[in-house]
Amino acid sequence: MKKLIFASTAAAAALTLAACQSEEADAVEDAAEEQAEAIDEMADEATNEAVEDELEMQADMVEEQGEEAANAMDDDGEIAPSETGVGDTQGTGM
């Protein structure tokens, strides 16, 4: 029961934070997610495991860069941590 309450609280907090983002930042993030999904689809169709892994990593980078670009557009001094940790530029002074 505690896990369900925690999950519900976390989901509500995430929705609250997402609502604070401007429409322009949402559009940037959405475009990056669409591009990442297209790259993931190419990875799913790859016949070589190394190529598949490289494409999946590239998709993660594209999505994270979109998140960070959106965060930079609406930065009020607080940036949410990256979901992927791949190519994480947060905290590096960039």
PDB file of N, CA and C in Angstrom:
ATOM      1  N   MET A   1       0.819  -1.186   0.000  1.00  0.00           N
ATOM      2  CA  MET A   1       0.000   0.000   0.000  1.00  0.00           C
ATOM      3  C   MET A   1       0.868   1.258   0.000  1.00  0.00           C
ATOM      4  N   LYS A   2       1.961   1.209   0.797  1.00  0.00           N
ATOM      5  CA  LYS A   2       2.852   2.361   0.847  1.00  0.00           C
ATOM      6  C   LYS A   2       3.466   2.631  -0.520  1.00  0.00           C
ATOM      7  N   LYS A   3       3.798   1.561  -1.250  1.00  0.00           N
ATOM      8  CA  LYS A   3       4.386   1.721  -2.583  1.00  0.00           C
ATOM      9  C   LYS A   3       3.396   2.391  -3.529  1.00  0.00           C
ATOM     10  N   LEU A   4       2.132   2.019  -3.436  1.00  0.00           N
ATOM     11  CA  LEU A   4       1.097   2.606  -4.288  1.00  0.00           C
ATOM     12  C   LEU A   4       0.937   4.092  -3.981  1.00  0.00           C
ATOM     13  N   ILE A   5       0.939   4.435  -2.712  1.00  0.00           N
ATOM     14  CA  ILE A   5       0.813   5.846  -2.323  1.00  0.00           C
ATOM     15  C   ILE A   5       2.027   6.625  -2.808  1.00  0.00           C
ATOM     16  N   PHE A   6       3.221   6.056  -2.636  1.00  0.00           N
ATOM     17  CA  PHE A   6       4.438   6.722  -3.093  1.00  0.00           C
ATOM     18  C   PHE A   6       4.412   6.919  -4.605  1.00  0.00           C
ATOM     19  N   ALA A   7       4.015   5.883  -5.349  1.00  0.00           N
ATOM     20  CA  ALA A   7       3.962   5.984  -6.807  1.00  0.00           C
ATOM     21  C   ALA A   7       2.951   7.043  -7.238  1.00  0.00           C
ATOM     22  N   SER A   8       1.816   7.090  -6.574  1.00  0.00           N
ATOM     23  CA  SER A   8       0.802   8.095  -6.910  1.00  0.00           C
ATOM     24  C   SER A   8       1.300   9.497  -6.618  1.00  0.00           C
ATOM     25  N   THR A   9       1.977   9.660  -5.494  1.00  0.00           N
ATOM     26  CA  THR A   9       2.527  10.967  -5.128  1.00  0.00           C
ATOM     27  C   THR A   9       3.603  11.395  -6.115  1.00  0.00           C
ATOM     28  N   ALA A  10       4.466  10.461  -6.488  1.00  0.00           N
ATOM     29  CA  ALA A  10       5.527  10.773  -7.450  1.00  0.00           C
ATOM     30  C   ALA A  10       4.939  11.164  -8.802  1.00  0.00           C
ATOM     31  N   ALA A  11       3.915  10.455  -9.233  1.00  0.00           N
ATOM     32  CA  ALA A  11       3.278  10.770 -10.515  1.00  0.00           C
ATOM     33  C   ALA A  11       2.627  12.154 -10.468  1.00  0.00           C
ATOM     34  N   ALA A  12       1.989  12.476  -9.371  1.00  0.00           N
ATOM     35  CA  ALA A  12       1.354  13.795  -9.236  1.00  0.00           C
ATOM     36  C   ALA A  12       2.407  14.899  -9.237  1.00  0.00           C
ATOM     37  N   ALA A  13       3.525  14.657  -8.578  1.00  0.00           N
ATOM     38  CA  ALA A  13       4.605  15.646  -8.549  1.00  0.00           C
ATOM     39  C   ALA A  13       5.185  15.849  -9.946  1.00  0.00           C
ATOM     40  N   ALA A  14       5.340  14.775 -10.688  1.00  0.00           N
ATOM     41  CA  ALA A  14       5.869  14.880 -12.054  1.00  0.00           C
ATOM     42  C   ALA A  14       4.920  15.683 -12.937  1.00  0.00           C
ATOM     43  N   LEU A  15       3.631  15.460 -12.813  1.00  0.00           N
ATOM     44  CA  LEU A  15       2.659  16.216 -13.592  1.00  0.00           C
ATOM     45  C   LEU A  15       2.674  17.695 -13.219  1.00  0.00           C
ATOM     46  N   THR A  16       2.853  17.976 -11.949  1.00  0.00           N
ATOM     47  CA  THR A  16       2.916  19.362 -11.500  1.00  0.00           C
ATOM     48  C   THR A  16       4.126  20.057 -12.092  1.00  0.00           C
ATOM     49  N   LEU A  17       5.270  19.389 -12.092  1.00  0.00           N
ATOM     50  CA  LEU A  17       6.480  19.969 -12.662  1.00  0.00           C
ATOM     51  C   LEU A  17       6.345  20.152 -14.165  1.00  0.00           C
ATOM     52  N   ALA A  18       5.740  19.203 -14.834  1.00  0.00           N
ATOM     53  CA  ALA A  18       5.570  19.305 -16.283  1.00  0.00           C
ATOM     54  C   ALA A  18       4.672  20.482 -16.651  1.00  0.00           C
ATOM     55  N   ALA A  19       3.724  20.781 -15.812  1.00  0.00           N
ATOM     56  CA  ALA A  19       2.803  21.883 -16.095  1.00  0.00           C
ATOM     57  C   ALA A  19       3.484  23.237 -16.035  1.00  0.00           C
ATOM     58  N   CYS A  20       4.635  23.306 -15.414  1.00  0.00           N
ATOM     59  CA  CYS A  20       5.355  24.566 -15.262  1.00  0.00           C
ATOM     60  C   CYS A  20       6.151  24.932 -16.510  1.00  0.00           C
ATOM     61  N   GLN A  21       6.251  24.042 -17.447  1.00  0.00           N
ATOM     62  CA  GLN A  21       7.057  24.258 -18.643  1.00  0.00           C
ATOM     63  C   GLN A  21       6.261  25.034 -19.688  1.00  0.00           C
ATOM     64  N   SER A  22       6.927  25.965 -20.378  1.00  0.00           N
ATOM     65  CA  SER A  22       6.251  26.760 -21.399  1.00  0.00           C
ATOM     66  C   SER A  22       5.903  25.908 -22.612  1.00  0.00           C
ATOM     67  N   GLU A  23       5.006  26.427 -23.444  1.00  0.00           N
ATOM     68  CA  GLU A  23       4.618  25.712 -24.660  1.00  0.00           C
ATOM     69  C   GLU A  23       5.806  25.548 -25.597  1.00  0.00           C
ATOM     70  N   GLU A  24       6.666  26.564 -25.661  1.00  0.00           N
ATOM     71  CA  GLU A  24       7.843  26.493 -26.541  1.00  0.00           C
ATOM     72  C   GLU A  24       8.803  25.394 -26.078  1.00  0.00           C
ATOM     73  N   ALA A  25       9.015  25.325 -24.774  1.00  0.00           N
ATOM     74  CA  ALA A  25       9.893  24.292 -24.226  1.00  0.00           C
ATOM     75  C   ALA A  25       9.288  22.908 -24.440  1.00  0.00           C
ATOM     76  N   ASP A  26       7.963  22.814 -24.277  1.00  0.00           N
ATOM     77  CA  ASP A  26       7.287  21.542 -24.541  1.00  0.00           C
ATOM     78  C   ASP A  26       7.496  21.115 -25.996  1.00  0.00           C
ATOM     79  N   ALA A  27       7.408  22.067 -26.914  1.00  0.00           N
ATOM     80  CA  ALA A  27       7.568  21.754 -28.340  1.00  0.00           C
ATOM     81  C   ALA A  27       8.975  21.255 -28.624  1.00  0.00           C
ATOM     82  N   VAL A  28       9.969  21.870 -28.002  1.00  0.00           N
ATOM     83  CA  VAL A  28      11.363  21.430 -28.188  1.00  0.00           C
ATOM     84  C   VAL A  28      11.530  20.011 -27.666  1.00  0.00           C
ATOM     85  N   GLU A  29      11.011  19.771 -26.480  1.00  0.00           N
ATOM     86  CA  GLU A  29      11.130  18.442 -25.882  1.00  0.00           C
ATOM     87  C   GLU A  29      10.359  17.400 -26.694  1.00  0.00           C
ATOM     88  N   ASP A  30       9.161  17.750 -27.157  1.00  0.00           N
ATOM     89  CA  ASP A  30       8.368  16.822 -27.966  1.00  0.00           C
ATOM     90  C   ASP A  30       9.069  16.471 -29.276  1.00  0.00           C
ATOM     91  N   ALA A  31       9.681  17.462 -29.918  1.00  0.00           N
ATOM     92  CA  ALA A  31      10.403  17.212 -31.175  1.00  0.00           C
ATOM     93  C   ALA A  31      11.576  16.267 -30.943  1.00  0.00           C
ATOM     94  N   ALA A  32      12.282  16.461 -29.844  1.00  0.00           N
ATOM     95  CA  ALA A  32      13.413  15.582 -29.529  1.00  0.00           C
ATOM     96  C   ALA A  32      12.922  14.163 -29.241  1.00  0.00           C
ATOM     97  N   GLU A  33      11.796  14.046 -28.547  1.00  0.00           N
ATOM     98  CA  GLU A  33      11.242  12.723 -28.265  1.00  0.00           C
ATOM     99  C   GLU A  33      10.825  12.015 -29.547  1.00  0.00           C
ATOM    100  N   GLU A  34      10.226  12.751 -30.477  1.00  0.00           N
ATOM    101  CA  GLU A  34       9.834  12.154 -31.760  1.00  0.00           C
ATOM    102  C   GLU A  34      11.061  11.669 -32.531  1.00  0.00           C
ATOM    103  N   GLN A  35      12.115  12.489 -32.540  1.00  0.00           N
ATOM    104  CA  GLN A  35      13.340  12.095 -33.229  1.00  0.00           C
ATOM    105  C   GLN A  35      13.952  10.869 -32.548  1.00  0.00           C
ATOM    106  N   ALA A  36      13.948  10.844 -31.222  1.00  0.00           N
ATOM    107  CA  ALA A  36      14.488   9.701 -30.485  1.00  0.00           C
ATOM    108  C   ALA A  36      13.680   8.436 -30.778  1.00  0.00           C
ATOM    109  N   GLU A  37      12.373   8.564 -30.870  1.00  0.00           N
ATOM    110  CA  GLU A  37      11.530   7.410 -31.197  1.00  0.00           C
ATOM    111  C   GLU A  37      11.850   6.871 -32.583  1.00  0.00           C
ATOM    112  N   ALA A  38      12.097   7.760 -33.543  1.00  0.00           N
ATOM    113  CA  ALA A  38      12.447   7.334 -34.898  1.00  0.00           C
ATOM    114  C   ALA A  38      13.775   6.582 -34.885  1.00  0.00           C
ATOM    115  N   ILE A  39      14.718   7.062 -34.110  1.00  0.00           N
ATOM    116  CA  ILE A  39      16.016   6.383 -34.008  1.00  0.00           C
ATOM    117  C   ILE A  39      15.846   5.032 -33.328  1.00  0.00           C
ATOM    118  N   ASP A  40      14.996   4.968 -32.295  1.00  0.00           N
ATOM    119  CA  ASP A  40      14.723   3.689 -31.629  1.00  0.00           C
ATOM    120  C   ASP A  40      14.104   2.681 -32.591  1.00  0.00           C
ATOM    121  N   GLU A  41      13.222   3.155 -33.468  1.00  0.00           N
ATOM    122  CA  GLU A  41      12.621   2.265 -34.462  1.00  0.00           C
ATOM    123  C   GLU A  41      13.693   1.709 -35.402  1.00  0.00           C
ATOM    124  N   MET A  42      14.652   2.569 -35.792  1.00  0.00           N
ATOM    125  CA  MET A  42      15.755   2.089 -36.633  1.00  0.00           C
ATOM    126  C   MET A  42      16.572   1.051 -35.870  1.00  0.00           C
ATOM    127  N   ALA A  43      16.762   1.271 -34.573  1.00  0.00           N
ATOM    128  CA  ALA A  43      17.515   0.316 -33.757  1.00  0.00           C
ATOM    129  C   ALA A  43      16.799  -1.025 -33.702  1.00  0.00           C
ATOM    130  N   ASP A  44      15.473  -0.985 -33.586  1.00  0.00           N
ATOM    131  CA  ASP A  44      14.701  -2.220 -33.537  1.00  0.00           C
ATOM    132  C   ASP A  44      14.831  -3.022 -34.833  1.00  0.00           C
ATOM    133  N   GLU A  45      15.055  -2.330 -35.940  1.00  0.00           N
ATOM    134  CA  GLU A  45      15.158  -2.992 -37.236  1.00  0.00           C
ATOM    135  C   GLU A  45      16.599  -3.376 -37.594  1.00  0.00           C
ATOM    136  N   ALA A  46      17.557  -2.981 -36.780  1.00  0.00           N
ATOM    137  CA  ALA A  46      18.961  -3.271 -37.071  1.00  0.00           C
ATOM    138  C   ALA A  46      19.214  -4.769 -36.990  1.00  0.00           C
ATOM    139  N   THR A  47      20.049  -5.264 -37.892  1.00  0.00           N
ATOM    140  CA  THR A  47      20.383  -6.690 -37.905  1.00  0.00           C
ATOM    141  C   THR A  47      21.668  -6.972 -37.146  1.00  0.00           C
ATOM    142  N   ASN A  48      22.386  -5.923 -36.793  1.00  0.00           N
ATOM    143  CA  ASN A  48      23.648  -6.045 -36.092  1.00  0.00           C
ATOM    144  C   ASN A  48      23.457  -5.499 -34.675  1.00  0.00           C
ATOM    145  N   GLU A  49      23.829  -6.294 -33.668  1.00  0.00           N
ATOM    146  CA  GLU A  49      23.616  -5.877 -32.282  1.00  0.00           C
ATOM    147  C   GLU A  49      24.425  -4.629 -31.921  1.00  0.00           C
ATOM    148  N   ALA A  50      25.614  -4.503 -32.456  1.00  0.00           N
ATOM    149  CA  ALA A  50      26.440  -3.321 -32.172  1.00  0.00           C
ATOM    150  C   ALA A  50      25.776  -2.061 -32.732  1.00  0.00           C
ATOM    151  N   VAL A  51      25.213  -2.167 -33.930  1.00  0.00           N
ATOM    152  CA  VAL A  51      24.510  -1.033 -34.537  1.00  0.00           C
ATOM    153  C   VAL A  51      23.271  -0.702 -33.719  1.00  0.00           C
ATOM    154  N   GLU A  52      22.555  -1.722 -33.291  1.00  0.00           N
ATOM    155  CA  GLU A  52      21.362  -1.512 -32.471  1.00  0.00           C
ATOM    156  C   GLU A  52      21.718  -0.772 -31.176  1.00  0.00           C
ATOM    157  N   ASP A  53      22.782  -1.214 -30.509  1.00  0.00           N
ATOM    158  CA  ASP A  53      23.210  -0.570 -29.270  1.00  0.00           C
ATOM    159  C   ASP A  53      23.600   0.888 -29.509  1.00  0.00           C
ATOM    160  N   GLU A  54      24.326   1.143 -30.591  1.00  0.00           N
ATOM    161  CA  GLU A  54      24.761   2.501 -30.917  1.00  0.00           C
ATOM    162  C   GLU A  54      23.557   3.401 -31.196  1.00  0.00           C
ATOM    163  N   LEU A  55      22.579   2.898 -31.931  1.00  0.00           N
ATOM    164  CA  LEU A  55      21.385   3.678 -32.226  1.00  0.00           C
ATOM    165  C   LEU A  55      20.575   3.967 -30.970  1.00  0.00           C
ATOM    166  N   GLU A  56      20.475   2.975 -30.088  1.00  0.00           N
ATOM    167  CA  GLU A  56      19.740   3.185 -28.841  1.00  0.00           C
ATOM    168  C   GLU A  56      20.428   4.247 -27.984  1.00  0.00           C
ATOM    169  N   MET A  57      21.764   4.222 -27.951  1.00  0.00           N
ATOM    170  CA  MET A  57      22.497   5.229 -27.204  1.00  0.00           C
ATOM    171  C   MET A  57      22.293   6.610 -27.830  1.00  0.00           C
ATOM    172  N   GLN A  58      22.291   6.665 -29.159  1.00  0.00           N
ATOM    173  CA  GLN A  58      22.062   7.933 -29.859  1.00  0.00           C
ATOM    174  C   GLN A  58      20.663   8.463 -29.550  1.00  0.00           C
ATOM    175  N   ALA A  59      19.677   7.585 -29.519  1.00  0.00           N
ATOM    176  CA  ALA A  59      18.300   7.999 -29.194  1.00  0.00           C
ATOM    177  C   ALA A  59      18.226   8.572 -27.785  1.00  0.00           C
ATOM    178  N   ASP A  60      18.914   7.926 -26.848  1.00  0.00           N
ATOM    179  CA  ASP A  60      18.934   8.441 -25.474  1.00  0.00           C
ATOM    180  C   ASP A  60      19.563   9.827 -25.414  1.00  0.00           C
ATOM    181  N   MET A  61      20.641  10.022 -26.171  1.00  0.00           N
ATOM    182  CA  MET A  61      21.316  11.323 -26.192  1.00  0.00           C
ATOM    183  C   MET A  61      20.401  12.402 -26.770  1.00  0.00           C
ATOM    184  N   VAL A  62      19.718  12.092 -27.866  1.00  0.00           N
ATOM    185  CA  VAL A  62      18.818  13.059 -28.502  1.00  0.00           C
ATOM    186  C   VAL A  62      17.709  13.458 -27.533  1.00  0.00           C
ATOM    187  N   GLU A  63      17.138  12.463 -26.860  1.00  0.00           N
ATOM    188  CA  GLU A  63      16.053  12.759 -25.923  1.00  0.00           C
ATOM    189  C   GLU A  63      16.557  13.610 -24.753  1.00  0.00           C
ATOM    190  N   GLU A  64      17.729  13.260 -24.222  1.00  0.00           N
ATOM    191  CA  GLU A  64      18.273  14.031 -23.106  1.00  0.00           C
ATOM    192  C   GLU A  64      18.617  15.458 -23.526  1.00  0.00           C
ATOM    193  N   GLN A  65      19.181  15.613 -24.710  1.00  0.00           N
ATOM    194  CA  GLN A  65      19.514  16.960 -25.177  1.00  0.00           C
ATOM    195  C   GLN A  65      18.254  17.805 -25.340  1.00  0.00           C
ATOM    196  N   GLY A  66      17.169  17.170 -25.785  1.00  0.00           N
ATOM    197  CA  GLY A  66      15.891  17.881 -25.886  1.00  0.00           C
ATOM    198  C   GLY A  66      15.373  18.302 -24.520  1.00  0.00           C
ATOM    199  N   GLU A  67      15.497  17.398 -23.533  1.00  0.00           N
ATOM    200  CA  GLU A  67      15.080  17.728 -22.174  1.00  0.00           C
ATOM    201  C   GLU A  67      15.900  18.893 -21.631  1.00  0.00           C
ATOM    202  N   GLU A  68      17.201  18.833 -21.855  1.00  0.00           N
ATOM    203  CA  GLU A  68      18.076  19.876 -21.329  1.00  0.00           C
ATOM    204  C   GLU A  68      17.843  21.214 -22.041  1.00  0.00           C
ATOM    205  N   ALA A  69      17.565  21.157 -23.337  1.00  0.00           N
ATOM    206  CA  ALA A  69      17.262  22.392 -24.066  1.00  0.00           C
ATOM    207  C   ALA A  69      15.966  23.008 -23.537  1.00  0.00           C
ATOM    208  N   ALA A  70      14.968  22.170 -23.284  1.00  0.00           N
ATOM    209  CA  ALA A  70      13.700  22.654 -22.731  1.00  0.00           C
ATOM    210  C   ALA A  70      13.917  23.222 -21.332  1.00  0.00           C
ATOM    211  N   ASN A  71      14.724  22.538 -20.536  1.00  0.00           N
ATOM    212  CA  ASN A  71      15.025  23.042 -19.193  1.00  0.00           C
ATOM    213  C   ASN A  71      15.722  24.395 -19.272  1.00  0.00           C
ATOM    214  N   ALA A  72      16.632  24.542 -20.198  1.00  0.00           N
ATOM    215  CA  ALA A  72      17.376  25.798 -20.331  1.00  0.00           C
ATOM    216  C   ALA A  72      16.442  26.939 -20.733  1.00  0.00           C
ATOM    217  N   MET A  73      15.422  26.628 -21.522  1.00  0.00           N
ATOM    218  CA  MET A  73      14.474  27.645 -21.956  1.00  0.00           C
ATOM    219  C   MET A  73      13.651  28.178 -20.788  1.00  0.00           C
ATOM    220  N   ASP A  74      13.355  27.318 -19.839  1.00  0.00           N
ATOM    221  CA  ASP A  74      12.489  27.675 -18.712  1.00  0.00           C
ATOM    222  C   ASP A  74      13.227  27.678 -17.389  1.00  0.00           C
ATOM    223  N   ASP A  75      14.544  27.716 -17.448  1.00  0.00           N
ATOM    224  CA  ASP A  75      15.349  27.605 -16.238  1.00  0.00           C
ATOM    225  C   ASP A  75      15.024  28.721 -15.255  1.00  0.00           C
ATOM    226  N   ASP A  76      14.543  28.302 -14.090  1.00  0.00           N
ATOM    227  CA  ASP A  76      14.306  29.267 -13.013  1.00  0.00           C
ATOM    228  C   ASP A  76      15.257  28.987 -11.855  1.00  0.00           C
ATOM    229  N   GLY A  77      16.403  28.416 -12.192  1.00  0.00           N
ATOM    230  CA  GLY A  77      17.408  28.119 -11.184  1.00  0.00           C
ATOM    231  C   GLY A  77      17.350  26.703 -10.679  1.00  0.00           C
ATOM    232  N   GLU A  78      16.376  25.931 -11.129  1.00  0.00           N
ATOM    233  CA  GLU A  78      16.242  24.556 -10.674  1.00  0.00           C
ATOM    234  C   GLU A  78      16.032  23.667 -11.886  1.00  0.00           C
ATOM    235  N   ILE A  79      16.953  22.759 -12.112  1.00  0.00           N
ATOM    236  CA  ILE A  79      16.868  21.856 -13.256  1.00  0.00           C
ATOM    237  C   ILE A  79      16.676  20.438 -12.735  1.00  0.00           C
ATOM    238  N   ALA A  80      15.692  19.762 -13.272  1.00  0.00           N
ATOM    239  CA  ALA A  80      15.442  18.382 -12.877  1.00  0.00           C
ATOM    240  C   ALA A  80      16.574  17.499 -13.376  1.00  0.00           C
ATOM    241  N   PRO A  81      16.911  16.461 -12.628  1.00  0.00           N
ATOM    242  CA  PRO A  81      17.979  15.561 -13.076  1.00  0.00           C
ATOM    243  C   PRO A  81      17.578  14.827 -14.345  1.00  0.00           C
ATOM    244  N   SER A  82      18.560  14.469 -15.109  1.00  0.00           N
ATOM    245  CA  SER A  82      18.315  13.732 -16.340  1.00  0.00           C
ATOM    246  C   SER A  82      17.745  12.363 -16.024  1.00  0.00           C
ATOM    247  N   GLU A  83      16.882  11.882 -16.898  1.00  0.00           N
ATOM    248  CA  GLU A  83      16.315  10.559 -16.710  1.00  0.00           C
ATOM    249  C   GLU A  83      17.277   9.464 -17.162  1.00  0.00           C
ATOM    250  N   THR A  84      18.099   9.750 -18.150  1.00  0.00           N
ATOM    251  CA  THR A  84      18.935   8.706 -18.718  1.00  0.00           C
ATOM    252  C   THR A  84      20.335   8.671 -18.149  1.00  0.00           C
ATOM    253  N   GLY A  85      20.888   9.822 -17.806  1.00  0.00           N
ATOM    254  CA  GLY A  85      22.257   9.875 -17.324  1.00  0.00           C
ATOM    255  C   GLY A  85      23.271   9.750 -18.434  1.00  0.00           C
ATOM    256  N   VAL A  86      22.824   9.519 -19.668  1.00  0.00           N
ATOM    257  CA  VAL A  86      23.714   9.379 -20.813  1.00  0.00           C
ATOM    258  C   VAL A  86      24.060  10.764 -21.314  1.00  0.00           C
ATOM    259  N   GLY A  87      25.342  11.065 -21.388  1.00  0.00           N
ATOM    260  CA  GLY A  87      25.748  12.370 -21.882  1.00  0.00           C
ATOM    261  C   GLY A  87      25.281  13.503 -20.989  1.00  0.00           C
ATOM    262  N   ASP A  88      25.134  13.197 -19.725  1.00  0.00           N
ATOM    263  CA  ASP A  88      24.581  14.151 -18.774  1.00  0.00           C
ATOM    264  C   ASP A  88      25.488  15.354 -18.636  1.00  0.00           C
ATOM    265  N   THR A  89      24.997  16.524 -19.086  1.00  0.00           N
ATOM    266  CA  THR A  89      25.772  17.754 -19.012  1.00  0.00           C
ATOM    267  C   THR A  89      25.345  18.612 -17.838  1.00  0.00           C
ATOM    268  N   GLN A  90      24.353  18.164 -17.106  1.00  0.00           N
ATOM    269  CA  GLN A  90      23.889  18.943 -15.974  1.00  0.00           C
ATOM    270  C   GLN A  90      24.931  18.887 -14.870  1.00  0.00           C
ATOM    271  N   GLY A  91      25.167  20.029 -14.273  1.00  0.00           N
ATOM    272  CA  GLY A  91      26.132  20.091 -13.195  1.00  0.00           C
ATOM    273  C   GLY A  91      27.561  20.279 -13.675  1.00  0.00           C
ATOM    274  N   THR A  92      27.763  20.446 -14.986  1.00  0.00           N
ATOM    275  CA  THR A  92      29.115  20.613 -15.498  1.00  0.00           C
ATOM    276  C   THR A  92      29.403  22.051 -15.826  1.00  0.00           C
ATOM    277  N   GLY A  93      28.480  22.937 -15.494  1.00  0.00           N
ATOM    278  CA  GLY A  93      28.686  24.354 -15.749  1.00  0.00           C
ATOM    279  C   GLY A  93      28.338  24.782 -17.151  1.00  0.00           C
ATOM    280  N   MET A  94      27.697  23.906 -17.929  1.00  0.00           N
ATOM    281  CA  MET A  94      27.325  24.227 -19.313  1.00  0.00           C
ATOM    282  C   MET A  94      26.080  25.052 -19.339  1.00  0.00           C
TER     283      MET A  94
END
